[in-house]
Every structure is written in C-alpha cells, then in structure tokens.
C-alpha cells in the first residue's frame, strides 16, 4: 500500500512539474512573440478566437520569413531609391494623387529588390510583420488612402498623410543593413 501511495505522489508531482513547465514555456513564447511583433501581436490576437491560433499564425509568419532571401540593399541602390523618393515628393505639389501612387510603387519596388514577395498585399503585410512590425500600421494606412485616391475620394490632406505613412516604411526598408538582419537571427 505504501508503494502505491509513493507512486501516486511521484506521478502527481511529475504532472505538476510538467504543467508548470508547459505554462512557463507558453509564457516565454508569448513574451518573445509580443516583443518581436509589437503592435502587430495585439492586432493578430484580436483577429483570432484563440491565443493559440493567433500565436501559430505569428510563428508561421516567422517560419516563412526565415525561408525568404531578404537582403539589404547595396549602397548605390539605396542612393538611387532615395533620389527617386525625393522626386516623388516634389511631384506631390502638382499631382498629389499621382505622387501617392508612385510612392506605393516605390515602396513595393524596394521590397521586391530586398527579396520580399510582392504579389499580394495581405501576404506583404504578413511578411513585413516579422521584421517591420512597428511601421506596419503606417503601411496599412497609406494603402487604404491610396485605394481611396485611386477612386478620387481622398482629400489633399489625406494624400499628404499617405506620403508620410509610406515614407515611414520606405525609410526603414531603405536603411536596414546586414546588422539589422543579424539582430533578427538571420545571416
């Protein structure tokens, strides 16, 4: 009888240790995802019915991103894109709607040259969220305004805001170097 009691005590203790370990691992994963994805973490959490599904989505994004060949721009390409951005900003005065469309195309071109797939906007957001979560809301806002501009429903002030939003992501994409990639665990 004493042996049975000890076996039960050991099994219960092991189960308790396993449960505590599971909770600790979950909290560490959650903290790592929250730190990596910033505001995007909360947005994704609100999208899903369960935290587990949301975190699986974020981990799938990390996996996909790790498989992409994301690379920094060579210095001459960064300089050329910076000049093109300055030209787009100059055109804003005379043709704000056209300038916003050009800004969107320029951001997409930089993404493509860096190695991001650019076919689908939602996939672009998911791919960018891994390394550029802090500027993702800017990109979403700019894209919404750009859509309104295409239907000629955006005011000049909204178009100006779109340019500001596009510039936030553009500058981040342009300036990220190899050191930035190493920080995210890539080489």
C-alpha atoms as a PDB file:
ATOM      1  CA  UNK A   1       0.000   0.000   0.000  1.00  0.00           C
ATOM      2  CA  UNK A   2       2.836   2.385   0.861  1.00  0.00           C
ATOM      3  CA  UNK A   3       4.437   1.766  -2.531  1.00  0.00           C
ATOM      4  CA  UNK A   4       1.191   2.639  -4.300  1.00  0.00           C
ATOM      5  CA  UNK A   5       0.934   5.900  -2.356  1.00  0.00           C
ATOM      6  CA  UNK A   6       4.512   6.794  -3.304  1.00  0.00           C
ATOM      7  CA  UNK A   7       3.857   6.005  -6.953  1.00  0.00           C
ATOM      8  CA  UNK A   8       0.784   8.232  -6.908  1.00  0.00           C
ATOM      9  CA  UNK A   9       2.713  11.032  -5.179  1.00  0.00           C
ATOM     10  CA  UNK A  10       5.528  10.793  -7.748  1.00  0.00           C
ATOM     11  CA  UNK A  11       3.069  10.752 -10.674  1.00  0.00           C
ATOM     12  CA  UNK A  12       1.193  13.751  -9.282  1.00  0.00           C
ATOM     13  CA  UNK A  13       4.481  15.607  -8.681  1.00  0.00           C
ATOM     14  CA  UNK A  14       5.681  14.871 -12.211  1.00  0.00           C
ATOM     15  CA  UNK A  15       2.359  16.006 -13.646  1.00  0.00           C
ATOM     16  CA  UNK A  16       2.584  19.232 -11.634  1.00  0.00           C
ATOM     17  CA  UNK A  17       6.149  19.872 -12.814  1.00  0.00           C
ATOM     18  CA  UNK A  18       5.107  19.176 -16.417  1.00  0.00           C
ATOM     19  CA  UNK A  19       2.130  21.540 -16.102  1.00  0.00           C
ATOM     20  CA  UNK A  20       4.278  24.313 -14.633  1.00  0.00           C
ATOM     21  CA  UNK A  21       6.891  23.741 -17.346  1.00  0.00           C
ATOM     22  CA  UNK A  22       4.227  23.957 -20.042  1.00  0.00           C
ATOM     23  CA  UNK A  23       2.895  27.239 -18.622  1.00  0.00           C
ATOM     24  CA  UNK A  24       6.399  28.707 -18.386  1.00  0.00           C
ATOM     25  CA  UNK A  25       7.202  27.729 -21.993  1.00  0.00           C
ATOM     26  CA  UNK A  26       3.907  29.237 -23.180  1.00  0.00           C
ATOM     27  CA  UNK A  27       4.611  32.494 -21.345  1.00  0.00           C
ATOM     28  CA  UNK A  28       8.143  32.685 -22.739  1.00  0.00           C
ATOM     29  CA  UNK A  29       6.873  32.076 -26.282  1.00  0.00           C
ATOM     30  CA  UNK A  30       4.133  34.659 -25.818  1.00  0.00           C
ATOM     31  CA  UNK A  31       6.649  37.194 -24.497  1.00  0.00           C
ATOM     32  CA  UNK A  32       9.037  36.555 -27.385  1.00  0.00           C
ATOM     33  CA  UNK A  33       6.251  36.935 -29.957  1.00  0.00           C
ATOM     34  CA  UNK A  34       4.943  40.076 -28.257  1.00  0.00           C
ATOM     35  CA  UNK A  35       8.434  41.608 -28.274  1.00  0.00           C
ATOM     36  CA  UNK A  36       9.089  40.680 -31.895  1.00  0.00           C
ATOM     37  CA  UNK A  37       5.732  41.688 -33.361  1.00  0.00           C
ATOM     38  CA  UNK A  38       4.937  44.690 -31.148  1.00  0.00           C
ATOM     39  CA  UNK A  39       1.562  46.224 -32.024  1.00  0.00           C
ATOM     40  CA  UNK A  40       1.008  43.542 -34.661  1.00  0.00           C
ATOM     41  CA  UNK A  41       0.837  40.935 -31.883  1.00  0.00           C
ATOM     42  CA  UNK A  42      -2.236  42.586 -30.352  1.00  0.00           C
ATOM     43  CA  UNK A  43      -3.867  43.070 -33.753  1.00  0.00           C
ATOM     44  CA  UNK A  44      -3.451  39.388 -34.601  1.00  0.00           C
ATOM     45  CA  UNK A  45      -4.698  38.367 -31.141  1.00  0.00           C
ATOM     46  CA  UNK A  46      -7.889  40.349 -31.779  1.00  0.00           C
ATOM     47  CA  UNK A  47      -8.325  38.603 -35.159  1.00  0.00           C
ATOM     48  CA  UNK A  48      -8.454  35.071 -33.745  1.00  0.00           C
ATOM     49  CA  UNK A  49     -10.809  33.339 -31.329  1.00  0.00           C
ATOM     50  CA  UNK A  50      -7.929  31.639 -29.508  1.00  0.00           C
ATOM     51  CA  UNK A  51      -4.484  32.817 -28.448  1.00  0.00           C
ATOM     52  CA  UNK A  52      -3.067  29.516 -29.614  1.00  0.00           C
ATOM     53  CA  UNK A  53      -4.316  30.024 -33.197  1.00  0.00           C
ATOM     54  CA  UNK A  54      -3.028  33.603 -33.239  1.00  0.00           C
ATOM     55  CA  UNK A  55       0.384  32.530 -31.991  1.00  0.00           C
ATOM     56  CA  UNK A  56       0.506  29.714 -34.541  1.00  0.00           C
ATOM     57  CA  UNK A  57      -0.143  32.339 -37.246  1.00  0.00           C
ATOM     58  CA  UNK A  58       2.700  34.506 -35.945  1.00  0.00           C
ATOM     59  CA  UNK A  59       5.070  31.541 -35.734  1.00  0.00           C
ATOM     60  CA  UNK A  60       4.127  30.557 -39.307  1.00  0.00           C
ATOM     61  CA  UNK A  61       4.996  34.107 -40.381  1.00  0.00           C
ATOM     62  CA  UNK A  62       8.390  33.763 -38.714  1.00  0.00           C
ATOM     63  CA  UNK A  63       8.964  30.441 -40.472  1.00  0.00           C
ATOM     64  CA  UNK A  64       8.005  31.842 -43.886  1.00  0.00           C
ATOM     65  CA  UNK A  65      10.163  34.927 -43.323  1.00  0.00           C
ATOM     66  CA  UNK A  66      13.145  32.736 -42.404  1.00  0.00           C
ATOM     67  CA  UNK A  67      12.778  30.940 -45.738  1.00  0.00           C
ATOM     68  CA  UNK A  68      12.796  34.175 -47.762  1.00  0.00           C
ATOM     69  CA  UNK A  69      16.040  35.570 -49.135  1.00  0.00           C
ATOM     70  CA  UNK A  70      15.733  39.002 -47.511  1.00  0.00           C
ATOM     71  CA  UNK A  71      18.821  41.075 -48.119  1.00  0.00           C
ATOM     72  CA  UNK A  72      19.966  44.646 -47.542  1.00  0.00           C
ATOM     73  CA  UNK A  73      20.169  46.991 -50.495  1.00  0.00           C
ATOM     74  CA  UNK A  74      23.574  47.835 -51.938  1.00  0.00           C
ATOM     75  CA  UNK A  75      24.590  51.415 -51.224  1.00  0.00           C
ATOM     76  CA  UNK A  76      24.155  52.543 -54.832  1.00  0.00           C
ATOM     77  CA  UNK A  77      20.598  51.144 -54.900  1.00  0.00           C
ATOM     78  CA  UNK A  78      19.777  52.901 -51.602  1.00  0.00           C
ATOM     79  CA  UNK A  79      21.039  56.178 -53.056  1.00  0.00           C
ATOM     80  CA  UNK A  80      19.039  55.710 -56.263  1.00  0.00           C
ATOM     81  CA  UNK A  81      15.845  54.935 -54.339  1.00  0.00           C
ATOM     82  CA  UNK A  82      16.403  57.931 -52.067  1.00  0.00           C
ATOM     83  CA  UNK A  83      16.706  60.183 -55.156  1.00  0.00           C
ATOM     84  CA  UNK A  84      13.525  58.680 -56.635  1.00  0.00           C
ATOM     85  CA  UNK A  85      11.708  59.301 -53.331  1.00  0.00           C
ATOM     86  CA  UNK A  86      12.783  62.954 -53.385  1.00  0.00           C
ATOM     87  CA  UNK A  87      11.422  63.265 -56.939  1.00  0.00           C
ATOM     88  CA  UNK A  88       8.106  61.710 -55.890  1.00  0.00           C
ATOM     89  CA  UNK A  89       7.823  64.162 -53.014  1.00  0.00           C
ATOM     90  CA  UNK A  90       8.496  67.078 -55.368  1.00  0.00           C
ATOM     91  CA  UNK A  91       5.704  65.902 -57.696  1.00  0.00           C
ATOM     92  CA  UNK A  92       3.280  65.831 -54.778  1.00  0.00           C
ATOM     93  CA  UNK A  93       2.814  69.612 -55.010  1.00  0.00           C
ATOM     94  CA  UNK A  94       1.409  69.464 -58.545  1.00  0.00           C
ATOM     95  CA  UNK A  95      -0.092  65.962 -58.617  1.00  0.00           C
ATOM     96  CA  UNK A  96      -0.711  64.586 -55.110  1.00  0.00           C
ATOM     97  CA  UNK A  97      -2.771  61.572 -56.204  1.00  0.00           C
ATOM     98  CA  UNK A  98      -0.179  60.539 -58.763  1.00  0.00           C
ATOM     99  CA  UNK A  99       2.628  61.020 -56.223  1.00  0.00           C
ATOM    100  CA  UNK A 100       0.884  58.715 -53.740  1.00  0.00           C
ATOM    101  CA  UNK A 101       0.554  56.035 -56.426  1.00  0.00           C
ATOM    102  CA  UNK A 102       4.249  56.449 -57.233  1.00  0.00           C
ATOM    103  CA  UNK A 103       5.139  56.233 -53.524  1.00  0.00           C
ATOM    104  CA  UNK A 104       3.246  52.943 -53.266  1.00  0.00           C
ATOM    105  CA  UNK A 105       5.051  51.607 -56.348  1.00  0.00           C
ATOM    106  CA  UNK A 106       8.403  52.746 -54.989  1.00  0.00           C
ATOM    107  CA  UNK A 107       7.860  51.018 -51.622  1.00  0.00           C
ATOM    108  CA  UNK A 108       6.856  47.857 -53.497  1.00  0.00           C
ATOM    109  CA  UNK A 109       9.974  48.092 -55.697  1.00  0.00           C
ATOM    110  CA  UNK A 110      12.241  48.394 -52.649  1.00  0.00           C
ATOM    111  CA  UNK A 111      10.504  45.417 -51.056  1.00  0.00           C
ATOM    112  CA  UNK A 112      10.995  43.351 -54.210  1.00  0.00           C
ATOM    113  CA  UNK A 113      14.670  44.234 -54.511  1.00  0.00           C
ATOM    114  CA  UNK A 114      15.170  43.353 -50.840  1.00  0.00           C
ATOM    115  CA  UNK A 115      13.674  39.902 -51.534  1.00  0.00           C
ATOM    116  CA  UNK A 116      10.105  40.247 -50.273  1.00  0.00           C
ATOM    117  CA  UNK A 117       7.363  38.694 -52.424  1.00  0.00           C
ATOM    118  CA  UNK A 118       5.065  41.499 -53.577  1.00  0.00           C
ATOM    119  CA  UNK A 119       2.174  39.840 -55.417  1.00  0.00           C
ATOM    120  CA  UNK A 120      -0.456  40.017 -52.669  1.00  0.00           C
ATOM    121  CA  UNK A 121      -0.945  42.911 -50.230  1.00  0.00           C
ATOM    122  CA  UNK A 122      -2.063  40.731 -47.303  1.00  0.00           C
ATOM    123  CA  UNK A 123       0.943  38.458 -47.766  1.00  0.00           C
ATOM    124  CA  UNK A 124       3.215  41.520 -47.940  1.00  0.00           C
ATOM    125  CA  UNK A 125       1.812  42.615 -44.578  1.00  0.00           C
ATOM    126  CA  UNK A 126       2.410  39.181 -43.061  1.00  0.00           C
ATOM    127  CA  UNK A 127       5.962  39.021 -44.418  1.00  0.00           C
ATOM    128  CA  UNK A 128       6.807  42.554 -43.311  1.00  0.00           C
ATOM    129  CA  UNK A 129       5.318  41.986 -39.848  1.00  0.00           C
ATOM    130  CA  UNK A 130       8.244  39.799 -38.808  1.00  0.00           C
ATOM    131  CA  UNK A 131      10.954  42.448 -39.182  1.00  0.00           C
ATOM    132  CA  UNK A 132       8.987  45.698 -39.615  1.00  0.00           C
ATOM    133  CA  UNK A 133       6.059  45.413 -37.219  1.00  0.00           C
ATOM    134  CA  UNK A 134       6.485  48.940 -35.877  1.00  0.00           C
ATOM    135  CA  UNK A 135       5.877  50.551 -39.279  1.00  0.00           C
ATOM    136  CA  UNK A 136       3.182  48.157 -40.468  1.00  0.00           C
ATOM    137  CA  UNK A 137       0.297  50.369 -39.333  1.00  0.00           C
ATOM    138  CA  UNK A 138       1.798  53.176 -41.423  1.00  0.00           C
ATOM    139  CA  UNK A 139       1.801  50.901 -44.455  1.00  0.00           C
ATOM    140  CA  UNK A 140      -1.801  49.824 -43.859  1.00  0.00           C
ATOM    141  CA  UNK A 141      -2.960  53.437 -43.519  1.00  0.00           C
ATOM    142  CA  UNK A 142      -1.083  54.525 -46.646  1.00  0.00           C
ATOM    143  CA  UNK A 143      -2.539  51.626 -48.627  1.00  0.00           C
ATOM    144  CA  UNK A 144      -6.099  52.488 -47.514  1.00  0.00           C
ATOM    145  CA  UNK A 145      -5.655  56.115 -48.524  1.00  0.00           C
ATOM    146  CA  UNK A 146      -4.045  55.075 -51.802  1.00  0.00           C
ATOM    147  CA  UNK A 147      -7.125  52.995 -52.589  1.00  0.00           C
ATOM    148  CA  UNK A 148      -9.353  55.971 -51.835  1.00  0.00           C
ATOM    149  CA  UNK A 149      -7.122  58.151 -54.016  1.00  0.00           C
ATOM    150  CA  UNK A 150      -7.494  55.725 -56.929  1.00  0.00           C
ATOM    151  CA  UNK A 151     -11.269  56.266 -56.659  1.00  0.00           C
ATOM    152  CA  UNK A 152     -10.654  60.039 -56.311  1.00  0.00           C
ATOM    153  CA  UNK A 153     -12.189  60.011 -52.825  1.00  0.00           C
ATOM    154  CA  UNK A 154      -9.162  61.241 -50.840  1.00  0.00           C
ATOM    155  CA  UNK A 155      -8.555  64.835 -49.798  1.00  0.00           C
ATOM    156  CA  UNK A 156      -5.195  66.531 -50.270  1.00  0.00           C
ATOM    157  CA  UNK A 157      -4.586  66.257 -46.527  1.00  0.00           C
ATOM    158  CA  UNK A 158      -5.261  62.509 -46.642  1.00  0.00           C
ATOM    159  CA  UNK A 159      -2.864  62.210 -49.568  1.00  0.00           C
ATOM    160  CA  UNK A 160      -0.231  64.082 -47.574  1.00  0.00           C
ATOM    161  CA  UNK A 161      -0.776  61.661 -44.705  1.00  0.00           C
ATOM    162  CA  UNK A 162      -0.369  58.727 -47.113  1.00  0.00           C
ATOM    163  CA  UNK A 163       3.008  60.104 -48.173  1.00  0.00           C
ATOM    164  CA  UNK A 164       4.071  60.397 -44.531  1.00  0.00           C
ATOM    165  CA  UNK A 165       2.940  56.822 -43.881  1.00  0.00           C
ATOM    166  CA  UNK A 166       4.682  55.428 -46.969  1.00  0.00           C
ATOM    167  CA  UNK A 167       7.857  57.301 -46.030  1.00  0.00           C
ATOM    168  CA  UNK A 168       7.982  55.603 -42.604  1.00  0.00           C
ATOM    169  CA  UNK A 169       8.195  52.118 -44.141  1.00  0.00           C
ATOM    170  CA  UNK A 170      10.258  53.288 -47.120  1.00  0.00           C
ATOM    171  CA  UNK A 171      12.980  54.730 -44.894  1.00  0.00           C
ATOM    172  CA  UNK A 172      13.058  51.651 -42.693  1.00  0.00           C
ATOM    173  CA  UNK A 173      13.340  49.329 -45.703  1.00  0.00           C
ATOM    174  CA  UNK A 174      15.978  51.530 -47.287  1.00  0.00           C
ATOM    175  CA  UNK A 175      18.221  51.889 -44.263  1.00  0.00           C
ATOM    176  CA  UNK A 176      18.150  48.355 -42.871  1.00  0.00           C
ATOM    177  CA  UNK A 177      21.610  46.843 -43.151  1.00  0.00           C
ATOM    178  CA  UNK A 178      23.064  43.412 -42.561  1.00  0.00           C
ATOM    179  CA  UNK A 179      23.375  44.240 -38.852  1.00  0.00           C
ATOM    180  CA  UNK A 180      19.589  44.629 -38.741  1.00  0.00           C
ATOM    181  CA  UNK A 181      19.203  41.152 -40.233  1.00  0.00           C
ATOM    182  CA  UNK A 182      21.594  39.625 -37.694  1.00  0.00           C
ATOM    183  CA  UNK A 183      19.559  41.213 -34.910  1.00  0.00           C
ATOM    184  CA  UNK A 184      16.578  39.199 -36.132  1.00  0.00           C
ATOM    185  CA  UNK A 185      18.533  35.956 -36.085  1.00  0.00           C
ATOM    186  CA  UNK A 186      19.378  35.865 -39.801  1.00  0.00           C
ATOM    187  CA  UNK A 187      22.721  35.912 -41.553  1.00  0.00           C
END
